[in-house]
Amino acid sequence: MANNSSSESTELKIAYLGFLQGIISRLSNSVLVLMTANITLMSALLAFSVSENVENPSLWMFFFPWIFLASFHAYYLYQEKTFINIYNQVVIQNSILTTDLVINEHTLKANRPKFLEVFFKTYSFSYFQVSLFLCTLAAYYLGVK
């Protein structure tokens, strides 16, 4: 079943694009969860750092969770861009074969962007920069050194 009729090819293409769209949607949802977790964690750390139980709060306590969440955020965006590139490749194809439906390491490698480009050139980094800056500014204003 390597060659398909035109209607079968169209049905396969639509089903495959729906499958890819589902993957992209789940990755996008994960990105939003990480952004929410970042706000929650930074707010909790800020509240904890100004509590009376902390003797010597430090601004460094904000940096490690921030880099962890920012890296995961960039990773999910990296994966999302990979699948968007695969999606775009399928849309461009006139006809599709069943062998084109395989998502393997070769397909992923051929469509992957560079990780550092995703990390530094997307809104991901700027969102996390702003969140770290605001949290650091608030902590400094509240007396955390």
C-alpha atoms as a PDB file:
ATOM      1  CA  MET A   1       0.000   0.000   0.000  1.00  0.00           C
ATOM      2  CA  ALA A   2       2.854   2.353  -0.839  1.00  0.00           C
ATOM      3  CA  ASN A   3       0.831   4.239  -3.462  1.00  0.00           C
ATOM      4  CA  ASN A   4      -2.639   5.490  -2.662  1.00  0.00           C
ATOM      5  CA  SER A   5      -5.457   6.848  -4.744  1.00  0.00           C
ATOM      6  CA  SER A   6      -6.029  10.585  -4.616  1.00  0.00           C
ATOM      7  CA  SER A   7      -8.917  10.399  -2.134  1.00  0.00           C
ATOM      8  CA  GLU A   8      -7.054   7.945   0.118  1.00  0.00           C
ATOM      9  CA  SER A   9      -4.000  10.177  -0.016  1.00  0.00           C
ATOM     10  CA  THR A  10      -6.088  13.201   0.956  1.00  0.00           C
ATOM     11  CA  GLU A  11      -7.717  11.306   3.825  1.00  0.00           C
ATOM     12  CA  LEU A  12      -4.307  10.119   5.042  1.00  0.00           C
ATOM     13  CA  LYS A  13      -2.943  13.639   4.838  1.00  0.00           C
ATOM     14  CA  ILE A  14      -5.865  15.088   6.803  1.00  0.00           C
ATOM     15  CA  ALA A  15      -5.596  12.379   9.468  1.00  0.00           C
ATOM     16  CA  TYR A  16      -1.832  12.837   9.734  1.00  0.00           C
ATOM     17  CA  LEU A  17      -2.162  16.614   9.998  1.00  0.00           C
ATOM     18  CA  GLY A  18      -4.762  16.130  12.740  1.00  0.00           C
ATOM     19  CA  PHE A  19      -2.354  13.854  14.581  1.00  0.00           C
ATOM     20  CA  LEU A  20       0.446  16.421  14.293  1.00  0.00           C
ATOM     21  CA  GLN A  21      -1.905  19.198  15.402  1.00  0.00           C
ATOM     22  CA  GLY A  22      -2.726  17.175  18.519  1.00  0.00           C
ATOM     23  CA  ILE A  23       0.970  16.878  19.362  1.00  0.00           C
ATOM     24  CA  ILE A  24       1.492  20.602  18.805  1.00  0.00           C
ATOM     25  CA  SER A  25      -1.515  21.423  21.001  1.00  0.00           C
ATOM     26  CA  ARG A  26      -0.223  19.276  23.860  1.00  0.00           C
ATOM     27  CA  LEU A  27       3.198  20.907  23.632  1.00  0.00           C
ATOM     28  CA  SER A  28       1.591  24.368  23.639  1.00  0.00           C
ATOM     29  CA  ASN A  29      -0.405  23.410  26.708  1.00  0.00           C
ATOM     30  CA  SER A  30       2.809  22.325  28.436  1.00  0.00           C
ATOM     31  CA  VAL A  31       4.345  25.711  27.654  1.00  0.00           C
ATOM     32  CA  LEU A  32       1.417  27.476  29.322  1.00  0.00           C
ATOM     33  CA  VAL A  33       1.679  25.206  32.356  1.00  0.00           C
ATOM     34  CA  LEU A  34       5.356  26.111  32.730  1.00  0.00           C
ATOM     35  CA  MET A  35       4.590  29.821  32.475  1.00  0.00           C
ATOM     36  CA  THR A  36       1.962  29.450  35.193  1.00  0.00           C
ATOM     37  CA  ALA A  37       4.347  27.417  37.332  1.00  0.00           C
ATOM     38  CA  ASN A  38       6.973  30.131  36.930  1.00  0.00           C
ATOM     39  CA  ILE A  39       4.633  32.831  38.214  1.00  0.00           C
ATOM     40  CA  THR A  40       3.493  30.647  41.101  1.00  0.00           C
ATOM     41  CA  LEU A  41       6.983  29.563  42.128  1.00  0.00           C
ATOM     42  CA  MET A  42       8.519  33.017  41.876  1.00  0.00           C
ATOM     43  CA  SER A  43       5.660  34.509  43.901  1.00  0.00           C
ATOM     44  CA  ALA A  44       6.032  31.814  46.549  1.00  0.00           C
ATOM     45  CA  LEU A  45       9.796  32.348  46.723  1.00  0.00           C
ATOM     46  CA  LEU A  46       9.289  36.080  47.025  1.00  0.00           C
ATOM     47  CA  ALA A  47       6.807  35.616  49.865  1.00  0.00           C
ATOM     48  CA  PHE A  48       9.118  33.118  51.554  1.00  0.00           C
ATOM     49  CA  SER A  49      12.162  35.373  51.223  1.00  0.00           C
ATOM     50  CA  VAL A  50      10.500  38.246  53.061  1.00  0.00           C
ATOM     51  CA  SER A  51       9.047  36.086  55.823  1.00  0.00           C
ATOM     52  CA  GLU A  52      10.485  36.297  59.296  1.00  0.00           C
ATOM     53  CA  ASN A  53      11.667  32.664  59.222  1.00  0.00           C
ATOM     54  CA  VAL A  54      14.416  33.375  56.689  1.00  0.00           C
ATOM     55  CA  GLU A  55      17.548  34.831  58.260  1.00  0.00           C
ATOM     56  CA  ASN A  56      19.627  35.703  55.184  1.00  0.00           C
ATOM     57  CA  PRO A  57      17.525  35.613  52.031  1.00  0.00           C
ATOM     58  CA  SER A  58      19.475  35.785  48.805  1.00  0.00           C
ATOM     59  CA  LEU A  59      18.623  36.780  45.266  1.00  0.00           C
ATOM     60  CA  TRP A  60      20.283  33.553  44.118  1.00  0.00           C
ATOM     61  CA  MET A  61      17.316  31.574  45.370  1.00  0.00           C
ATOM     62  CA  PHE A  62      15.306  33.016  42.457  1.00  0.00           C
ATOM     63  CA  PHE A  63      17.859  32.195  39.797  1.00  0.00           C
ATOM     64  CA  PHE A  64      17.983  28.383  40.012  1.00  0.00           C
ATOM     65  CA  PRO A  65      14.235  27.726  39.693  1.00  0.00           C
ATOM     66  CA  TRP A  66      14.119  30.364  36.968  1.00  0.00           C
ATOM     67  CA  ILE A  67      16.824  28.700  34.848  1.00  0.00           C
ATOM     68  CA  PHE A  68      15.189  25.298  35.377  1.00  0.00           C
ATOM     69  CA  LEU A  69      11.756  26.495  34.232  1.00  0.00           C
ATOM     70  CA  ALA A  70      13.154  28.644  31.411  1.00  0.00           C
ATOM     71  CA  SER A  71      15.117  25.669  30.066  1.00  0.00           C
ATOM     72  CA  PHE A  72      12.086  23.393  30.135  1.00  0.00           C
ATOM     73  CA  HIS A  73      10.031  26.111  28.497  1.00  0.00           C
ATOM     74  CA  ALA A  74      12.581  26.428  25.699  1.00  0.00           C
ATOM     75  CA  TYR A  75      12.684  22.631  25.341  1.00  0.00           C
ATOM     76  CA  TYR A  76       8.917  22.422  24.849  1.00  0.00           C
ATOM     77  CA  LEU A  77       9.030  25.292  22.354  1.00  0.00           C
ATOM     78  CA  TYR A  78      11.887  23.513  20.595  1.00  0.00           C
ATOM     79  CA  GLN A  79       9.799  20.353  20.290  1.00  0.00           C
ATOM     80  CA  GLU A  80       6.777  22.377  19.215  1.00  0.00           C
ATOM     81  CA  LYS A  81       8.760  24.096  16.446  1.00  0.00           C
ATOM     82  CA  THR A  82      10.039  20.700  15.286  1.00  0.00           C
ATOM     83  CA  PHE A  83       6.508  19.380  14.862  1.00  0.00           C
ATOM     84  CA  ILE A  84       5.342  22.627  13.260  1.00  0.00           C
ATOM     85  CA  ASN A  85       8.130  22.202  10.698  1.00  0.00           C
ATOM     86  CA  ILE A  86       7.006  18.611  10.045  1.00  0.00           C
ATOM     87  CA  TYR A  87       3.410  19.842   9.730  1.00  0.00           C
ATOM     88  CA  ASN A  88       4.453  22.492   7.206  1.00  0.00           C
ATOM     89  CA  GLN A  89       6.397  19.926   5.176  1.00  0.00           C
ATOM     90  CA  VAL A  90       3.326  17.692   4.949  1.00  0.00           C
ATOM     91  CA  VAL A  91       1.091  20.607   3.926  1.00  0.00           C
ATOM     92  CA  ILE A  92       3.431  21.450   1.037  1.00  0.00           C
ATOM     93  CA  GLN A  93       3.453  17.887  -0.336  1.00  0.00           C
ATOM     94  CA  ASN A  94       1.022  17.277  -3.199  1.00  0.00           C
ATOM     95  CA  SER A  95       0.546  13.609  -2.462  1.00  0.00           C
ATOM     96  CA  ILE A  96       1.427  11.587   0.567  1.00  0.00           C
ATOM     97  CA  LEU A  97       2.482   7.976   0.859  1.00  0.00           C
ATOM     98  CA  THR A  98       2.037   5.784   3.897  1.00  0.00           C
ATOM     99  CA  THR A  99       5.818   5.742   4.252  1.00  0.00           C
ATOM    100  CA  ASP A 100       5.699   9.537   4.709  1.00  0.00           C
ATOM    101  CA  LEU A 101       3.631   9.096   7.869  1.00  0.00           C
ATOM    102  CA  VAL A 102       6.502   7.701   9.907  1.00  0.00           C
ATOM    103  CA  ILE A 103       7.878   9.994  12.596  1.00  0.00           C
ATOM    104  CA  ASN A 104      11.324   8.659  13.353  1.00  0.00           C
ATOM    105  CA  GLU A 105      14.640  10.127  14.421  1.00  0.00           C
ATOM    106  CA  HIS A 106      15.530  11.029  10.836  1.00  0.00           C
ATOM    107  CA  THR A 107      12.292  13.001  10.381  1.00  0.00           C
ATOM    108  CA  LEU A 108      12.793  14.787  13.682  1.00  0.00           C
ATOM    109  CA  LYS A 109      16.453  15.631  12.997  1.00  0.00           C
ATOM    110  CA  ALA A 110      15.633  16.964   9.542  1.00  0.00           C
ATOM    111  CA  ASN A 111      13.062  19.385  10.968  1.00  0.00           C
ATOM    112  CA  ARG A 112      14.671  20.466  14.238  1.00  0.00           C
ATOM    113  CA  PRO A 113      15.632  24.078  14.774  1.00  0.00           C
ATOM    114  CA  LYS A 114      18.731  24.886  16.807  1.00  0.00           C
ATOM    115  CA  PHE A 115      17.983  24.752  20.528  1.00  0.00           C
ATOM    116  CA  LEU A 116      19.862  27.927  21.429  1.00  0.00           C
ATOM    117  CA  GLU A 117      18.002  29.836  18.717  1.00  0.00           C
ATOM    118  CA  VAL A 118      14.737  28.752  20.263  1.00  0.00           C
ATOM    119  CA  PHE A 119      15.978  29.611  23.751  1.00  0.00           C
ATOM    120  CA  PHE A 120      17.274  33.084  22.921  1.00  0.00           C
ATOM    121  CA  LYS A 121      15.176  34.231  19.955  1.00  0.00           C
ATOM    122  CA  THR A 122      11.656  33.437  21.046  1.00  0.00           C
ATOM    123  CA  TYR A 123       9.309  35.141  23.426  1.00  0.00           C
ATOM    124  CA  SER A 124      10.227  32.358  25.839  1.00  0.00           C
ATOM    125  CA  PHE A 125      13.448  33.969  26.914  1.00  0.00           C
ATOM    126  CA  SER A 126      12.015  37.460  27.065  1.00  0.00           C
ATOM    127  CA  TYR A 127       9.037  36.250  29.133  1.00  0.00           C
ATOM    128  CA  PHE A 128      11.337  34.570  31.607  1.00  0.00           C
ATOM    129  CA  GLN A 129      13.749  37.522  31.608  1.00  0.00           C
ATOM    130  CA  VAL A 130      10.926  39.871  32.512  1.00  0.00           C
ATOM    131  CA  SER A 131       9.649  37.536  35.228  1.00  0.00           C
ATOM    132  CA  LEU A 132      13.112  37.194  36.772  1.00  0.00           C
ATOM    133  CA  PHE A 133      13.716  40.933  36.537  1.00  0.00           C
ATOM    134  CA  LEU A 134      10.388  41.793  38.180  1.00  0.00           C
ATOM    135  CA  CYS A 135      10.853  39.220  40.912  1.00  0.00           C
ATOM    136  CA  THR A 136      14.413  40.391  41.568  1.00  0.00           C
ATOM    137  CA  LEU A 137      13.294  44.011  41.611  1.00  0.00           C
ATOM    138  CA  ALA A 138      10.494  43.223  44.056  1.00  0.00           C
ATOM    139  CA  ALA A 139      12.836  41.182  46.248  1.00  0.00           C
ATOM    140  CA  TYR A 140      15.413  43.956  46.300  1.00  0.00           C
ATOM    141  CA  TYR A 141      12.722  46.502  47.116  1.00  0.00           C
ATOM    142  CA  LEU A 142      11.543  44.290  49.978  1.00  0.00           C
ATOM    143  CA  GLY A 143      15.067  43.996  51.358  1.00  0.00           C
ATOM    144  CA  VAL A 144      16.312  40.668  50.012  1.00  0.00           C
ATOM    145  CA  LYS A 145      20.017  40.904  49.205  1.00  0.00           C
END
